[in-house]
Amino acid sequence: MMATTNDAVSTMAEPCPDCGRETSHEVNVQILTESTKPDNAEFSREPYRVSECRVCGTTTTTRMNNA
């Protein structure tokens, strides 16, 4: 997947699966291209919530539109 847009970044506390506790995370929304075919790329962009733990660096990406 390829990130095409990176919106505002915010910091919030949430559970980290690797740390096993609540830690500070940088959270943002990115528009990612899901198709690997250049012909379909412009039609396959979806918003994803990207959360990165500021303690261990683990990144979690969650698709926001499951239509």
Protein backbone atom coordinates (compact mmCIF):
# COMPACT_ATOMS: atom_id res chain seq x y z
CA MET A 1 0.00 0.00 0.00
CA MET A 2 1.10 3.52 -0.68
CA ALA A 3 0.33 6.62 1.39
CA THR A 4 -0.93 9.49 -0.71
CA THR A 5 -1.99 11.93 2.00
CA ASN A 6 -0.89 12.48 5.58
CA ASP A 7 -3.32 14.64 7.54
CA ALA A 8 -2.80 16.28 10.94
CA VAL A 9 -0.99 14.25 13.60
CA SER A 10 -2.16 14.10 17.20
CA THR A 11 -0.83 12.38 20.30
CA MET A 12 -3.03 10.29 22.56
CA ALA A 13 -2.78 7.51 25.14
CA GLU A 14 -4.01 4.09 24.03
CA PRO A 15 -3.15 0.42 24.60
CA CYS A 16 -0.01 -0.90 22.88
CA PRO A 17 -0.08 -4.62 22.03
CA ASP A 18 3.73 -4.93 22.22
CA CYS A 19 4.27 -2.89 25.41
CA GLY A 20 1.28 -4.55 27.09
CA ARG A 21 0.12 -1.28 28.64
CA GLU A 22 -1.32 2.12 27.77
CA THR A 23 1.32 4.36 26.19
CA SER A 24 1.54 7.61 24.23
CA HIS A 25 0.85 7.18 20.50
CA GLU A 26 1.09 9.46 17.47
CA VAL A 27 -2.18 9.04 15.57
CA ASN A 28 -3.06 10.26 12.08
CA VAL A 29 -5.28 9.45 9.12
CA GLN A 30 -3.67 8.51 5.82
CA ILE A 31 -5.26 7.89 2.45
CA LEU A 32 -3.67 4.64 1.21
CA THR A 33 -3.80 3.16 -2.27
CA GLU A 34 -4.90 -0.47 -2.06
CA SER A 35 -4.51 -1.53 -5.69
CA THR A 36 -1.11 -2.51 -7.06
CA LYS A 37 -2.32 -1.93 -10.63
CA PRO A 38 -1.56 1.60 -11.93
CA ASP A 39 -4.81 1.65 -13.95
CA ASN A 40 -6.95 1.21 -10.80
CA ALA A 41 -4.84 3.11 -8.25
CA GLU A 42 -6.83 6.34 -8.38
CA PHE A 43 -10.05 4.43 -7.63
CA SER A 44 -8.71 2.28 -4.78
CA ARG A 45 -7.78 4.86 -2.14
CA GLU A 46 -9.19 4.40 1.35
CA PRO A 47 -8.74 6.18 4.71
CA TYR A 48 -6.65 4.38 7.33
CA ARG A 49 -6.04 5.25 10.99
CA VAL A 50 -2.31 4.93 11.66
CA SER A 51 -1.13 4.74 15.29
CA GLU A 52 2.56 4.60 16.28
CA CYS A 53 3.65 3.86 19.85
CA ARG A 54 6.09 6.51 21.05
CA VAL A 55 7.70 4.01 23.45
CA CYS A 56 8.46 0.97 21.24
CA GLY A 57 7.67 2.25 17.71
CA THR A 58 5.01 -0.37 16.90
CA THR A 59 2.69 0.87 14.15
CA THR A 60 -0.95 -0.24 13.85
CA THR A 61 -2.89 0.49 10.67
CA THR A 62 -6.69 0.13 10.62
CA ARG A 63 -8.94 0.59 7.59
CA MET A 64 -11.65 3.09 8.48
CA ASN A 65 -14.12 2.41 5.68
CA ASN A 66 -15.20 -1.24 5.56
CA ALA A 67 -17.96 -0.82 2.99
